[in-house]
Amino acid sequence: YMAAATFHASGHVDIADIETAYQTLTPLLGAAASIIFAISLLTSGLSSSTVGTLAGQVVMQGFVGFTIPIWLRRLVTMLPAIIVVLVGINPTQALVISQVVLSFVLPVPVITLILFTRRRDIMGSLVNKTSTTILASLCGAVILLLNVVLLYLTFAPMLSLWVPA
């Protein structure tokens, strides 16, 4: 938010990637602002990766009784970022593709949650009402549809498929 407000106020409306944003902050707000921006990006990436890894661990441990050693969890969390840095992939493009992949994977837990929370044998007295299940299913269907559109719009140009203008 700080960066967007600063760029807009100073007339820098053509900032299209993270590296340019970082480099533009220094002359506008000083080196400390650029460092805070970089640290914020790193911590947000670490926290989101950690949450996903730990959530997967909790689900596997709770439902399947399968435990992953902590060193492997850390490796799984950090490996994608390390690969992006070592291979030299454009960070903005890597961020976009990671979010597309996330949108492809996200429906699996959403559908699983809808199916589990409607079952009285699993949820007991906390089972969802029929109306809640219907609303959740409709929301899940919209998410799935939007994910299919996102996947198409992201990968169609790479595959030389037709993309609406």
N, C-alpha and C. Protein backbone atom coordinates (compact mmCIF):
# COMPACT_ATOMS: atom_id res chain seq x y z
N TYR A 1 0.83 -1.19 0.00
CA TYR A 1 0.00 0.00 0.00
C TYR A 1 0.88 1.25 0.00
N MET A 2 1.90 1.25 0.84
CA MET A 2 2.81 2.40 0.92
C MET A 2 3.42 2.68 -0.45
N ALA A 3 3.89 1.63 -1.10
CA ALA A 3 4.54 1.80 -2.40
C ALA A 3 3.55 2.33 -3.43
N ALA A 4 2.36 1.75 -3.49
CA ALA A 4 1.37 2.18 -4.48
C ALA A 4 0.98 3.64 -4.28
N ALA A 5 0.76 4.04 -3.04
CA ALA A 5 0.40 5.44 -2.75
C ALA A 5 1.53 6.38 -3.13
N THR A 6 2.76 5.99 -2.81
CA THR A 6 3.91 6.83 -3.12
C THR A 6 4.12 6.95 -4.62
N PHE A 7 4.01 5.85 -5.33
CA PHE A 7 4.20 5.88 -6.78
C PHE A 7 3.13 6.74 -7.45
N HIS A 8 1.89 6.58 -7.04
CA HIS A 8 0.80 7.33 -7.65
C HIS A 8 0.97 8.83 -7.40
N ALA A 9 1.29 9.19 -6.15
CA ALA A 9 1.44 10.60 -5.80
C ALA A 9 2.59 11.27 -6.55
N SER A 10 3.62 10.49 -6.86
CA SER A 10 4.79 11.07 -7.54
C SER A 10 4.73 10.90 -9.06
N GLY A 11 3.61 10.36 -9.57
CA GLY A 11 3.44 10.23 -11.01
C GLY A 11 4.06 8.99 -11.63
N HIS A 12 4.52 8.07 -10.81
CA HIS A 12 5.10 6.81 -11.32
C HIS A 12 3.98 5.78 -11.46
N VAL A 13 3.31 5.80 -12.59
CA VAL A 13 2.17 4.89 -12.78
C VAL A 13 2.53 3.70 -13.67
N ASP A 14 3.78 3.62 -14.10
CA ASP A 14 4.19 2.56 -15.01
C ASP A 14 5.01 1.47 -14.32
N ILE A 15 4.92 1.35 -13.02
CA ILE A 15 5.65 0.32 -12.28
C ILE A 15 4.93 -1.01 -12.52
N ALA A 16 5.61 -1.94 -13.20
CA ALA A 16 4.95 -3.18 -13.59
C ALA A 16 5.49 -4.42 -12.89
N ASP A 17 6.61 -4.30 -12.19
CA ASP A 17 7.14 -5.49 -11.53
C ASP A 17 7.78 -5.13 -10.19
N ILE A 18 8.08 -6.16 -9.42
CA ILE A 18 8.59 -5.99 -8.07
C ILE A 18 9.96 -5.32 -8.06
N GLU A 19 10.81 -5.70 -8.98
CA GLU A 19 12.16 -5.12 -9.02
C GLU A 19 12.14 -3.62 -9.28
N THR A 20 11.29 -3.20 -10.22
CA THR A 20 11.17 -1.77 -10.52
C THR A 20 10.60 -1.02 -9.32
N ALA A 21 9.64 -1.63 -8.64
CA ALA A 21 9.07 -1.01 -7.44
C ALA A 21 10.14 -0.81 -6.39
N TYR A 22 10.94 -1.82 -6.17
CA TYR A 22 12.04 -1.74 -5.19
C TYR A 22 13.00 -0.61 -5.56
N GLN A 23 13.41 -0.57 -6.82
CA GLN A 23 14.39 0.43 -7.26
C GLN A 23 13.82 1.85 -7.25
N THR A 24 12.52 1.98 -7.44
CA THR A 24 11.90 3.30 -7.47
C THR A 24 11.70 3.87 -6.07
N LEU A 25 11.57 3.01 -5.08
CA LEU A 25 11.37 3.48 -3.71
C LEU A 25 12.57 4.24 -3.17
N THR A 26 13.78 3.83 -3.52
CA THR A 26 14.98 4.46 -2.95
C THR A 26 15.05 5.96 -3.23
N PRO A 27 14.92 6.42 -4.48
CA PRO A 27 15.00 7.88 -4.68
C PRO A 27 13.80 8.63 -4.09
N LEU A 28 12.67 7.96 -3.97
CA LEU A 28 11.47 8.65 -3.47
C LEU A 28 11.43 8.73 -1.94
N LEU A 29 11.76 7.62 -1.27
CA LEU A 29 11.61 7.56 0.19
C LEU A 29 12.90 7.21 0.93
N GLY A 30 13.95 6.90 0.20
CA GLY A 30 15.21 6.56 0.83
C GLY A 30 15.46 5.06 0.86
N ALA A 31 16.70 4.70 1.19
CA ALA A 31 17.11 3.29 1.19
C ALA A 31 16.35 2.47 2.22
N ALA A 32 16.00 3.09 3.35
CA ALA A 32 15.28 2.35 4.40
C ALA A 32 13.93 1.84 3.89
N ALA A 33 13.25 2.65 3.08
CA ALA A 33 11.95 2.23 2.54
C ALA A 33 12.11 1.02 1.62
N SER A 34 13.15 1.03 0.81
CA SER A 34 13.40 -0.12 -0.07
C SER A 34 13.71 -1.37 0.73
N ILE A 35 14.47 -1.22 1.80
CA ILE A 35 14.81 -2.37 2.65
C ILE A 35 13.56 -2.89 3.34
N ILE A 36 12.72 -2.00 3.85
CA ILE A 36 11.47 -2.43 4.49
C ILE A 36 10.58 -3.14 3.48
N PHE A 37 10.52 -2.62 2.25
CA PHE A 37 9.74 -3.25 1.18
C PHE A 37 10.25 -4.67 0.91
N ALA A 38 11.57 -4.82 0.80
CA ALA A 38 12.15 -6.14 0.53
C ALA A 38 11.89 -7.11 1.68
N ILE A 39 12.07 -6.65 2.91
CA ILE A 39 11.82 -7.50 4.08
C ILE A 39 10.34 -7.90 4.14
N SER A 40 9.46 -6.96 3.82
CA SER A 40 8.02 -7.26 3.82
C SER A 40 7.68 -8.34 2.80
N LEU A 41 8.28 -8.24 1.61
CA LEU A 41 8.04 -9.27 0.59
C LEU A 41 8.54 -10.63 1.05
N LEU A 42 9.73 -10.66 1.64
CA LEU A 42 10.29 -11.93 2.13
C LEU A 42 9.43 -12.53 3.23
N THR A 43 9.02 -11.72 4.19
CA THR A 43 8.23 -12.27 5.30
C THR A 43 6.85 -12.70 4.84
N SER A 44 6.25 -11.98 3.90
CA SER A 44 4.94 -12.42 3.41
C SER A 44 5.06 -13.74 2.65
N GLY A 45 6.12 -13.88 1.87
CA GLY A 45 6.34 -15.15 1.17
C GLY A 45 6.59 -16.30 2.12
N LEU A 46 7.42 -16.06 3.13
CA LEU A 46 7.70 -17.12 4.12
C LEU A 46 6.44 -17.50 4.88
N SER A 47 5.67 -16.51 5.31
CA SER A 47 4.48 -16.83 6.11
C SER A 47 3.45 -17.58 5.29
N SER A 48 3.25 -17.18 4.03
CA SER A 48 2.26 -17.90 3.22
C SER A 48 2.72 -19.31 2.90
N SER A 49 4.01 -19.49 2.63
CA SER A 49 4.53 -20.83 2.36
C SER A 49 4.44 -21.71 3.60
N THR A 50 4.76 -21.14 4.74
CA THR A 50 4.73 -21.90 5.99
C THR A 50 3.32 -22.33 6.33
N VAL A 51 2.36 -21.43 6.16
CA VAL A 51 0.97 -21.77 6.47
C VAL A 51 0.50 -22.94 5.61
N GLY A 52 0.81 -22.89 4.32
CA GLY A 52 0.40 -23.98 3.43
C GLY A 52 1.04 -25.30 3.80
N THR A 53 2.32 -25.27 4.11
CA THR A 53 3.03 -26.49 4.48
C THR A 53 2.50 -27.06 5.79
N LEU A 54 2.33 -26.20 6.79
CA LEU A 54 1.83 -26.66 8.08
C LEU A 54 0.39 -27.15 8.00
N ALA A 55 -0.43 -26.48 7.20
CA ALA A 55 -1.81 -26.93 7.03
C ALA A 55 -1.84 -28.33 6.42
N GLY A 56 -1.00 -28.55 5.41
CA GLY A 56 -0.92 -29.88 4.82
C GLY A 56 -0.46 -30.92 5.82
N GLN A 57 0.51 -30.56 6.65
CA GLN A 57 1.01 -31.48 7.68
C GLN A 57 -0.08 -31.82 8.68
N VAL A 58 -0.82 -30.82 9.14
CA VAL A 58 -1.88 -31.06 10.12
C VAL A 58 -2.96 -31.96 9.54
N VAL A 59 -3.33 -31.72 8.29
CA VAL A 59 -4.35 -32.56 7.65
C VAL A 59 -3.85 -33.99 7.52
N MET A 60 -2.63 -34.16 7.03
CA MET A 60 -2.10 -35.52 6.87
C MET A 60 -1.94 -36.23 8.20
N GLN A 61 -1.47 -35.52 9.19
CA GLN A 61 -1.27 -36.14 10.50
C GLN A 61 -2.61 -36.48 11.15
N GLY A 62 -3.58 -35.60 11.01
CA GLY A 62 -4.88 -35.81 11.65
C GLY A 62 -5.72 -36.88 10.98
N PHE A 63 -5.74 -36.90 9.65
CA PHE A 63 -6.61 -37.84 8.95
C PHE A 63 -5.93 -39.14 8.58
N VAL A 64 -4.66 -39.08 8.25
CA VAL A 64 -3.97 -40.27 7.75
C VAL A 64 -2.97 -40.82 8.76
N GLY A 65 -2.58 -40.02 9.74
CA GLY A 65 -1.58 -40.45 10.71
C GLY A 65 -0.18 -40.43 10.15
N PHE A 66 0.05 -39.62 9.10
CA PHE A 66 1.34 -39.55 8.43
C PHE A 66 2.07 -38.28 8.87
N THR A 67 3.32 -38.41 9.31
CA THR A 67 4.10 -37.27 9.77
C THR A 67 5.32 -37.08 8.88
N ILE A 68 5.58 -35.83 8.51
CA ILE A 68 6.75 -35.50 7.70
C ILE A 68 7.80 -34.89 8.62
N PRO A 69 9.06 -35.32 8.52
CA PRO A 69 10.11 -34.73 9.35
C PRO A 69 10.23 -33.22 9.11
N ILE A 70 10.60 -32.49 10.13
CA ILE A 70 10.65 -31.03 10.05
C ILE A 70 11.61 -30.54 8.97
N TRP A 71 12.74 -31.23 8.78
CA TRP A 71 13.69 -30.79 7.76
C TRP A 71 13.08 -30.88 6.36
N LEU A 72 12.24 -31.90 6.14
CA LEU A 72 11.60 -32.06 4.84
C LEU A 72 10.52 -31.00 4.64
N ARG A 73 9.79 -30.66 5.71
CA ARG A 73 8.80 -29.58 5.64
C ARG A 73 9.47 -28.27 5.26
N ARG A 74 10.60 -27.99 5.89
CA ARG A 74 11.32 -26.76 5.57
C ARG A 74 11.82 -26.75 4.13
N LEU A 75 12.30 -27.90 3.68
CA LEU A 75 12.78 -28.00 2.30
C LEU A 75 11.64 -27.77 1.31
N VAL A 76 10.50 -28.40 1.57
CA VAL A 76 9.34 -28.24 0.69
C VAL A 76 8.88 -26.78 0.66
N THR A 77 8.98 -26.11 1.80
CA THR A 77 8.57 -24.71 1.88
C THR A 77 9.52 -23.80 1.10
N MET A 78 10.80 -24.04 1.19
CA MET A 78 11.80 -23.14 0.62
C MET A 78 12.22 -23.49 -0.81
N LEU A 79 12.07 -24.74 -1.22
CA LEU A 79 12.59 -25.18 -2.51
C LEU A 79 12.06 -24.37 -3.71
N PRO A 80 10.77 -24.10 -3.81
CA PRO A 80 10.32 -23.31 -4.97
C PRO A 80 11.01 -21.95 -5.08
N ALA A 81 11.16 -21.26 -3.97
CA ALA A 81 11.81 -19.94 -4.00
C ALA A 81 13.28 -20.07 -4.38
N ILE A 82 13.93 -21.09 -3.86
CA ILE A 82 15.35 -21.31 -4.18
C ILE A 82 15.52 -21.59 -5.67
N ILE A 83 14.63 -22.39 -6.23
CA ILE A 83 14.69 -22.71 -7.66
C ILE A 83 14.51 -21.45 -8.50
N VAL A 84 13.53 -20.61 -8.13
CA VAL A 84 13.29 -19.36 -8.87
C VAL A 84 14.54 -18.49 -8.87
N VAL A 85 15.20 -18.37 -7.72
CA VAL A 85 16.40 -17.54 -7.61
C VAL A 85 17.56 -18.14 -8.39
N LEU A 86 17.79 -19.45 -8.24
CA LEU A 86 18.94 -20.09 -8.90
C LEU A 86 18.80 -20.13 -10.42
N VAL A 87 17.59 -20.37 -10.90
CA VAL A 87 17.38 -20.47 -12.34
C VAL A 87 17.32 -19.08 -12.99
N GLY A 88 16.99 -18.07 -12.20
CA GLY A 88 16.93 -16.71 -12.73
C GLY A 88 15.62 -16.37 -13.40
N ILE A 89 14.56 -16.98 -12.94
CA ILE A 89 13.22 -16.71 -13.48
C ILE A 89 12.80 -15.31 -13.06
N ASN A 90 12.08 -14.62 -13.93
CA ASN A 90 11.55 -13.30 -13.61
C ASN A 90 10.65 -13.42 -12.38
N PRO A 91 10.94 -12.69 -11.30
CA PRO A 91 10.16 -12.84 -10.06
C PRO A 91 8.67 -12.54 -10.22
N THR A 92 8.35 -11.53 -11.02
CA THR A 92 6.94 -11.18 -11.21
C THR A 92 6.22 -12.30 -11.95
N GLN A 93 6.85 -12.84 -12.99
CA GLN A 93 6.25 -13.95 -13.73
C GLN A 93 6.12 -15.18 -12.84
N ALA A 94 7.12 -15.44 -12.01
CA ALA A 94 7.06 -16.58 -11.08
C ALA A 94 5.92 -16.40 -10.09
N LEU A 95 5.72 -15.17 -9.63
CA LEU A 95 4.63 -14.89 -8.69
C LEU A 95 3.27 -15.13 -9.35
N VAL A 96 3.11 -14.67 -10.58
CA VAL A 96 1.84 -14.87 -11.29
C VAL A 96 1.59 -16.36 -11.51
N ILE A 97 2.60 -17.08 -11.97
CA ILE A 97 2.41 -18.52 -12.23
C ILE A 97 2.15 -19.27 -10.93
N SER A 98 2.81 -18.88 -9.84
CA SER A 98 2.56 -19.56 -8.56
C SER A 98 1.12 -19.37 -8.11
N GLN A 99 0.56 -18.20 -8.37
CA GLN A 99 -0.83 -17.96 -7.99
C GLN A 99 -1.80 -18.72 -8.90
N VAL A 100 -1.44 -18.88 -10.16
CA VAL A 100 -2.26 -19.69 -11.06
C VAL A 100 -2.25 -21.15 -10.60
N VAL A 101 -1.07 -21.65 -10.24
CA VAL A 101 -0.97 -23.02 -9.73
C VAL A 101 -1.78 -23.16 -8.44
N LEU A 102 -1.69 -22.17 -7.57
CA LEU A 102 -2.46 -22.18 -6.33
C LEU A 102 -3.95 -22.23 -6.63
N SER A 103 -4.39 -21.47 -7.62
CA SER A 103 -5.81 -21.47 -7.96
C SER A 103 -6.24 -22.82 -8.53
N PHE A 104 -5.30 -23.54 -9.12
CA PHE A 104 -5.60 -24.87 -9.65
C PHE A 104 -5.73 -25.89 -8.52
N VAL A 105 -4.94 -25.71 -7.46
CA VAL A 105 -4.92 -26.65 -6.33
C VAL A 105 -6.01 -26.33 -5.31
N LEU A 106 -6.34 -25.06 -5.15
CA LEU A 106 -7.27 -24.61 -4.12
C LEU A 106 -8.63 -25.30 -4.12
N PRO A 107 -9.22 -25.61 -5.26
CA PRO A 107 -10.53 -26.28 -5.22
C PRO A 107 -10.54 -27.63 -4.50
N VAL A 108 -9.40 -28.32 -4.45
CA VAL A 108 -9.37 -29.63 -3.78
C VAL A 108 -9.74 -29.50 -2.30
N PRO A 109 -9.09 -28.63 -1.51
CA PRO A 109 -9.52 -28.52 -0.12
C PRO A 109 -10.90 -27.89 0.03
N VAL A 110 -11.28 -26.99 -0.87
CA VAL A 110 -12.62 -26.38 -0.78
C VAL A 110 -13.69 -27.45 -0.94
N ILE A 111 -13.56 -28.28 -1.97
CA ILE A 111 -14.55 -29.35 -2.20
C ILE A 111 -14.53 -30.34 -1.04
N THR A 112 -13.33 -30.69 -0.56
CA THR A 112 -13.22 -31.62 0.57
C THR A 112 -13.91 -31.06 1.80
N LEU A 113 -13.70 -29.79 2.10
CA LEU A 113 -14.36 -29.18 3.25
C LEU A 113 -15.88 -29.18 3.11
N ILE A 114 -16.36 -28.88 1.92
CA ILE A 114 -17.82 -28.89 1.70
C ILE A 114 -18.36 -30.29 1.93
N LEU A 115 -17.68 -31.29 1.40
CA LEU A 115 -18.15 -32.68 1.56
C LEU A 115 -18.09 -33.13 3.02
N PHE A 116 -17.01 -32.80 3.72
CA PHE A 116 -16.87 -33.23 5.12
C PHE A 116 -17.83 -32.51 6.05
N THR A 117 -18.01 -31.21 5.85
CA THR A 117 -18.84 -30.44 6.79
C THR A 117 -20.32 -30.70 6.62
N ARG A 118 -20.72 -31.41 5.59
CA ARG A 118 -22.14 -31.76 5.45
C ARG A 118 -22.46 -33.13 6.05
N ARG A 119 -21.42 -33.85 6.50
CA ARG A 119 -21.62 -35.20 7.03
C ARG A 119 -21.73 -35.19 8.56
N ARG A 120 -22.87 -35.64 9.04
CA ARG A 120 -23.12 -35.68 10.49
C ARG A 120 -22.19 -36.68 11.18
N ASP A 121 -21.81 -37.78 10.52
CA ASP A 121 -20.94 -38.77 11.16
C ASP A 121 -19.54 -38.21 11.41
N ILE A 122 -19.15 -37.18 10.70
CA ILE A 122 -17.85 -36.54 10.92
C ILE A 122 -17.99 -35.32 11.83
N MET A 123 -18.99 -34.49 11.58
CA MET A 123 -19.11 -33.19 12.25
C MET A 123 -19.99 -33.22 13.50
N GLY A 124 -20.79 -34.27 13.66
CA GLY A 124 -21.68 -34.33 14.83
C GLY A 124 -22.68 -33.18 14.81
N SER A 125 -22.82 -32.49 15.94
CA SER A 125 -23.80 -31.40 16.04
C SER A 125 -23.37 -30.15 15.27
N LEU A 126 -22.14 -30.10 14.80
CA LEU A 126 -21.64 -28.94 14.06
C LEU A 126 -21.80 -29.09 12.55
N VAL A 127 -22.57 -30.09 12.13
CA VAL A 127 -22.78 -30.33 10.70
C VAL A 127 -23.44 -29.10 10.06
N ASN A 128 -23.07 -28.83 8.81
CA ASN A 128 -23.67 -27.71 8.08
C ASN A 128 -25.14 -27.97 7.80
N LYS A 129 -25.91 -26.90 7.77
CA LYS A 129 -27.30 -26.99 7.33
C LYS A 129 -27.29 -27.20 5.82
N THR A 130 -28.39 -27.69 5.29
CA THR A 130 -28.49 -27.91 3.85
C THR A 130 -28.28 -26.60 3.09
N SER A 131 -28.87 -25.52 3.60
CA SER A 131 -28.73 -24.22 2.92
C SER A 131 -27.26 -23.77 2.89
N THR A 132 -26.53 -24.03 3.96
CA THR A 132 -25.11 -23.67 4.00
C THR A 132 -24.32 -24.49 2.99
N THR A 133 -24.64 -25.78 2.90
CA THR A 133 -23.96 -26.65 1.95
C THR A 133 -24.24 -26.21 0.51
N ILE A 134 -25.50 -25.84 0.24
CA ILE A 134 -25.86 -25.39 -1.11
C ILE A 134 -25.12 -24.10 -1.45
N LEU A 135 -25.10 -23.14 -0.52
CA LEU A 135 -24.40 -21.88 -0.76
C LEU A 135 -22.90 -22.11 -0.94
N ALA A 136 -22.31 -22.96 -0.11
CA ALA A 136 -20.89 -23.27 -0.23
C ALA A 136 -20.59 -23.96 -1.56
N SER A 137 -21.49 -24.84 -2.00
CA SER A 137 -21.30 -25.53 -3.28
C SER A 137 -21.37 -24.55 -4.44
N LEU A 138 -22.30 -23.60 -4.37
CA LEU A 138 -22.39 -22.58 -5.42
C LEU A 138 -21.12 -21.72 -5.46
N CYS A 139 -20.65 -21.32 -4.28
CA CYS A 139 -19.40 -20.54 -4.22
C CYS A 139 -18.23 -21.35 -4.76
N GLY A 140 -18.18 -22.63 -4.40
CA GLY A 140 -17.12 -23.50 -4.90
C GLY A 140 -17.17 -23.64 -6.41
N ALA A 141 -18.39 -23.73 -6.97
CA ALA A 141 -18.54 -23.84 -8.42
C ALA A 141 -18.07 -22.56 -9.11
N VAL A 142 -18.39 -21.40 -8.54
CA VAL A 142 -17.93 -20.13 -9.10
C VAL A 142 -16.40 -20.06 -9.06
N ILE A 143 -15.81 -20.47 -7.94
CA ILE A 143 -14.35 -20.49 -7.82
C ILE A 143 -13.74 -21.40 -8.89
N LEU A 144 -14.32 -22.58 -9.06
CA LEU A 144 -13.81 -23.50 -10.08
C LEU A 144 -13.90 -22.89 -11.47
N LEU A 145 -15.03 -22.28 -11.79
CA LEU A 145 -15.21 -21.67 -13.10
C LEU A 145 -14.19 -20.55 -13.32
N LEU A 146 -14.03 -19.69 -12.33
CA LEU A 146 -13.05 -18.60 -12.45
C LEU A 146 -11.62 -19.14 -12.57
N ASN A 147 -11.33 -20.24 -11.90
CA ASN A 147 -10.00 -20.85 -12.00
C ASN A 147 -9.74 -21.39 -13.39
N VAL A 148 -10.76 -22.00 -14.00
CA VAL A 148 -10.61 -22.51 -15.36
C VAL A 148 -10.34 -21.35 -16.32
N VAL A 149 -11.07 -20.25 -16.16
CA VAL A 149 -10.86 -19.06 -16.99
C VAL A 149 -9.44 -18.52 -16.78
N LEU A 150 -9.01 -18.42 -15.52
CA LEU A 150 -7.67 -17.93 -15.21
C LEU A 150 -6.59 -18.82 -15.83
N LEU A 151 -6.75 -20.12 -15.70
CA LEU A 151 -5.78 -21.04 -16.29
C LEU A 151 -5.71 -20.85 -17.80
N TYR A 152 -6.87 -20.73 -18.43
CA TYR A 152 -6.90 -20.56 -19.88
C TYR A 152 -6.22 -19.25 -20.28
N LEU A 153 -6.58 -18.15 -19.62
CA LEU A 153 -6.01 -16.85 -19.98
C LEU A 153 -4.52 -16.77 -19.69
N THR A 154 -4.05 -17.53 -18.71
CA THR A 154 -2.62 -17.51 -18.38
C THR A 154 -1.80 -18.35 -19.35
N PHE A 155 -2.29 -19.54 -19.66
CA PHE A 155 -1.49 -20.47 -20.45
C PHE A 155 -1.82 -20.50 -21.94
N ALA A 156 -2.96 -19.97 -22.35
CA ALA A 156 -3.32 -19.97 -23.76
C ALA A 156 -2.30 -19.24 -24.63
N PRO A 157 -1.81 -18.07 -24.22
CA PRO A 157 -0.79 -17.41 -25.06
C PRO A 157 0.48 -18.25 -25.22
N MET A 158 0.85 -18.99 -24.18
CA MET A 158 2.06 -19.82 -24.25
C MET A 158 1.86 -21.00 -25.20
N LEU A 159 0.60 -21.42 -25.34
CA LEU A 159 0.30 -22.57 -26.19
C LEU A 159 -0.25 -22.14 -27.55
N SER A 160 -0.19 -20.85 -27.83
CA SER A 160 -0.68 -20.27 -29.09
C SER A 160 -2.16 -20.55 -29.31
N LEU A 161 -2.95 -20.49 -28.24
CA LEU A 161 -4.39 -20.65 -28.34
C LEU A 161 -5.05 -19.28 -28.43
N TRP A 162 -6.29 -19.25 -28.88
CA TRP A 162 -7.01 -17.98 -29.02
C TRP A 162 -7.30 -17.39 -27.65
N VAL A 163 -7.01 -16.10 -27.50
CA VAL A 163 -7.30 -15.38 -26.26
C VAL A 163 -8.11 -14.14 -26.63
N PRO A 164 -9.25 -13.92 -25.94
CA PRO A 164 -10.06 -12.74 -26.27
C PRO A 164 -9.28 -11.45 -25.97
N ALA A 165 -9.50 -10.44 -26.80
CA ALA A 165 -8.77 -9.16 -26.63
C ALA A 165 -9.36 -8.31 -25.53
